[in-house]
Structures are given as structure tokens and as C-alpha cells.
């Protein structure tokens, strides 16, 4: 249950962040909005880290260097979301973003990339992704 609650919160925060970034970018520019968002996100993460005191600095040595670029993906996510929302609106953007996430996770899971255990995809997963795509087509008409 905890996982579902946090997933729902994450989805809500992604939507709120996308709208806020779009408004910021209208005033100062998209890359500036991405910079501000990444910076304020860093500050928030540090504050949360200080409050929860769940620090494992020794674990840094175990992380593969490639994975440290995850934050760089954040800047690209912000830019893409802002441009998308500006061009096609929030509802259609978030729908398309979710489909892209599902397709990417499907590819990662079925190939066992990034050290994850391979998952067999069955008909229900294909039907679910197909239904979402149909939903986006309906939303865009």
C-alpha cells in the first residue's frame, strides 16, 4: 500500500512540477526554469536528508559511475515536459509521458537492463499499453 501511495504522490508532483516549470519558462526561459527546478530540488533533497538522517556515504563507492548521470536526465525531463505542456496542454502531455514511461519500463524489464531481473511480458501488459495509447488518441481528438 505504501508503494501505491508514494506512486500516486509522485505522479501528482510530476504534474505540479510540469505546470510550475511551464509558468516559470514563460517568464524567463525553459533552460532557466530547468536550472531553477534542479537547484531547488537539490536544496529540498539536502534538507530532507538532514531531517531524516539516513546517510550512507560509504555506499557511494558501490554505485556505478554511469548511474550518477541520473540528475542530468532530470534537466532533459524538465525541458521536454515544459515544451510538451506549452504545445499540447497538460492532460495530453502527461498521458503521452506515462505511455513513454510504460514503454521504456517494458523494454528495460523484458531485457533485464540495469541489473534488474528479466520480467516476462504477457498479453495483459500489451493490452494495457494499447488501451493507454487509444486513450491518448481519444484525448487528442
Protein backbone atom coordinates (compact mmCIF):
# COMPACT_ATOMS: atom_id res chain seq x y z
CA UNK A 1 0.00 0.00 0.00
CA UNK A 2 2.86 2.35 0.85
CA UNK A 3 4.26 1.89 -2.68
CA UNK A 4 0.93 2.84 -4.29
CA UNK A 5 0.58 5.94 -2.10
CA UNK A 6 4.06 7.15 -3.00
CA UNK A 7 3.48 6.37 -6.68
CA UNK A 8 0.32 8.48 -6.62
CA UNK A 9 2.13 11.29 -4.82
CA UNK A 10 4.98 11.10 -7.32
CA UNK A 11 2.56 11.32 -10.22
CA UNK A 12 0.80 14.31 -8.68
CA UNK A 13 4.12 16.06 -8.01
CA UNK A 14 5.32 15.43 -11.58
CA UNK A 15 2.18 17.13 -12.88
CA UNK A 16 2.52 20.08 -10.48
CA UNK A 17 6.20 20.43 -11.34
CA UNK A 18 5.44 20.43 -15.05
CA UNK A 19 2.87 23.20 -14.69
CA UNK A 20 5.14 25.28 -12.42
CA UNK A 21 8.07 24.86 -14.80
CA UNK A 22 5.93 25.88 -17.76
CA UNK A 23 4.89 29.07 -15.97
CA UNK A 24 8.50 29.84 -14.98
CA UNK A 25 9.71 29.22 -18.53
CA UNK A 26 7.17 31.66 -19.94
CA UNK A 27 8.78 34.41 -17.86
CA UNK A 28 12.49 33.57 -18.02
CA UNK A 29 13.05 30.69 -20.47
CA UNK A 30 12.94 26.92 -20.50
CA UNK A 31 16.54 26.13 -19.63
CA UNK A 32 16.43 28.74 -16.87
CA UNK A 33 13.33 27.01 -15.49
CA UNK A 34 15.15 23.68 -15.61
CA UNK A 35 18.11 25.22 -13.76
CA UNK A 36 15.92 26.70 -11.03
CA UNK A 37 14.00 23.44 -10.66
CA UNK A 38 17.15 21.33 -10.41
CA UNK A 39 18.67 23.75 -7.89
CA UNK A 40 15.58 23.96 -5.67
CA UNK A 41 15.22 20.17 -5.93
CA UNK A 42 18.80 19.79 -4.73
CA UNK A 43 18.14 22.09 -1.78
CA UNK A 44 14.97 20.19 -0.87
CA UNK A 45 16.77 16.84 -1.09
CA UNK A 46 19.56 18.10 1.19
CA UNK A 47 17.04 19.43 3.71
CA UNK A 48 15.15 16.12 3.73
CA UNK A 49 18.45 14.25 4.09
CA UNK A 50 19.33 16.39 7.12
CA UNK A 51 15.93 15.78 8.71
CA UNK A 52 15.73 12.01 8.17
CA UNK A 53 19.43 11.48 8.89
CA UNK A 54 19.54 8.41 6.70
CA UNK A 55 23.07 8.87 5.41
CA UNK A 56 25.20 6.15 3.87
CA UNK A 57 28.14 7.97 2.30
CA UNK A 58 30.20 4.75 2.16
CA UNK A 59 27.67 3.38 -0.32
CA UNK A 60 28.82 5.92 -2.93
CA UNK A 61 31.79 3.69 -3.72
CA UNK A 62 29.42 0.89 -4.72
CA UNK A 63 27.43 2.97 -7.22
CA UNK A 64 28.47 2.51 -10.83
CA UNK A 65 29.70 5.87 -12.20
CA UNK A 66 27.23 5.69 -15.09
CA UNK A 67 24.30 5.94 -12.67
CA UNK A 68 25.47 9.29 -11.33
CA UNK A 69 24.16 10.93 -14.51
CA UNK A 70 20.58 10.42 -13.34
CA UNK A 71 20.32 14.08 -12.34
CA UNK A 72 21.30 15.11 -15.86
CA UNK A 73 18.28 13.20 -17.13
CA UNK A 74 16.21 15.39 -14.81
CA UNK A 75 17.17 18.50 -16.74
CA UNK A 76 16.11 16.83 -20.00
CA UNK A 77 12.86 15.65 -18.41
CA UNK A 78 12.05 19.19 -17.29
CA UNK A 79 12.82 20.69 -20.69
CA UNK A 80 10.79 18.04 -22.53
CA UNK A 81 7.82 18.39 -20.19
CA UNK A 82 7.76 22.17 -20.44
CA UNK A 83 7.90 22.17 -24.24
CA UNK A 84 5.25 19.46 -24.36
CA UNK A 85 2.85 21.26 -22.00
CA UNK A 86 3.31 24.52 -23.89
CA UNK A 87 2.45 22.83 -27.19
CA UNK A 88 -0.23 20.25 -26.40
CA UNK A 89 -1.50 21.03 -22.87
CA UNK A 90 -1.19 19.30 -19.52
CA UNK A 91 -3.60 16.39 -19.95
CA UNK A 92 -2.27 15.19 -23.28
CA UNK A 93 1.34 15.77 -22.20
CA UNK A 94 1.04 13.76 -19.01
CA UNK A 95 -0.79 10.98 -20.88
CA UNK A 96 1.95 10.78 -23.51
CA UNK A 97 4.64 10.93 -20.82
CA UNK A 98 3.03 7.99 -18.98
CA UNK A 99 2.89 5.95 -22.18
CA UNK A 100 6.55 6.69 -22.87
CA UNK A 101 7.42 5.65 -19.31
CA UNK A 102 5.46 2.41 -19.65
CA UNK A 103 7.08 1.54 -22.97
CA UNK A 104 10.57 2.29 -21.63
CA UNK A 105 9.98 0.28 -18.45
CA UNK A 106 8.58 -2.54 -20.58
CA UNK A 107 11.81 -2.57 -22.62
CA UNK A 108 14.00 -2.40 -19.50
CA UNK A 109 12.06 -5.11 -17.66
CA UNK A 110 11.88 -7.51 -20.59
CA UNK A 111 15.63 -7.19 -21.25
CA UNK A 112 16.75 -7.15 -17.61
CA UNK A 113 18.79 -3.98 -18.08
CA UNK A 114 20.46 -2.11 -15.20
CA UNK A 115 20.83 -5.27 -13.15
CA UNK A 116 17.10 -5.90 -12.91
CA UNK A 117 15.65 -9.38 -13.16
CA UNK A 118 14.09 -10.07 -16.56
CA UNK A 119 10.31 -9.94 -16.50
CA UNK A 120 8.13 -11.84 -18.92
CA UNK A 121 5.57 -9.59 -20.52
CA UNK A 122 2.22 -11.18 -21.19
CA UNK A 123 -0.88 -10.25 -23.12
CA UNK A 124 -2.43 -8.14 -20.31
CA UNK A 125 0.61 -5.81 -20.32
CA UNK A 126 0.35 -5.34 -24.09
CA UNK A 127 -3.39 -4.73 -23.84
CA UNK A 128 -2.88 -2.18 -21.07
CA UNK A 129 -0.32 -0.19 -23.05
CA UNK A 130 -2.55 -0.39 -26.12
CA UNK A 131 -5.53 0.91 -24.15
CA UNK A 132 -3.47 3.85 -22.89
CA UNK A 133 -2.39 4.69 -26.42
CA UNK A 134 -6.03 4.56 -27.57
CA UNK A 135 -6.90 6.84 -24.65
CA UNK A 136 -4.32 9.41 -25.75
CA UNK A 137 -5.66 9.28 -29.31
CA UNK A 138 -9.16 9.91 -27.97
CA UNK A 139 -7.91 12.77 -25.75
CA UNK A 140 -6.16 14.43 -28.66
CA UNK A 141 -9.19 14.41 -30.95
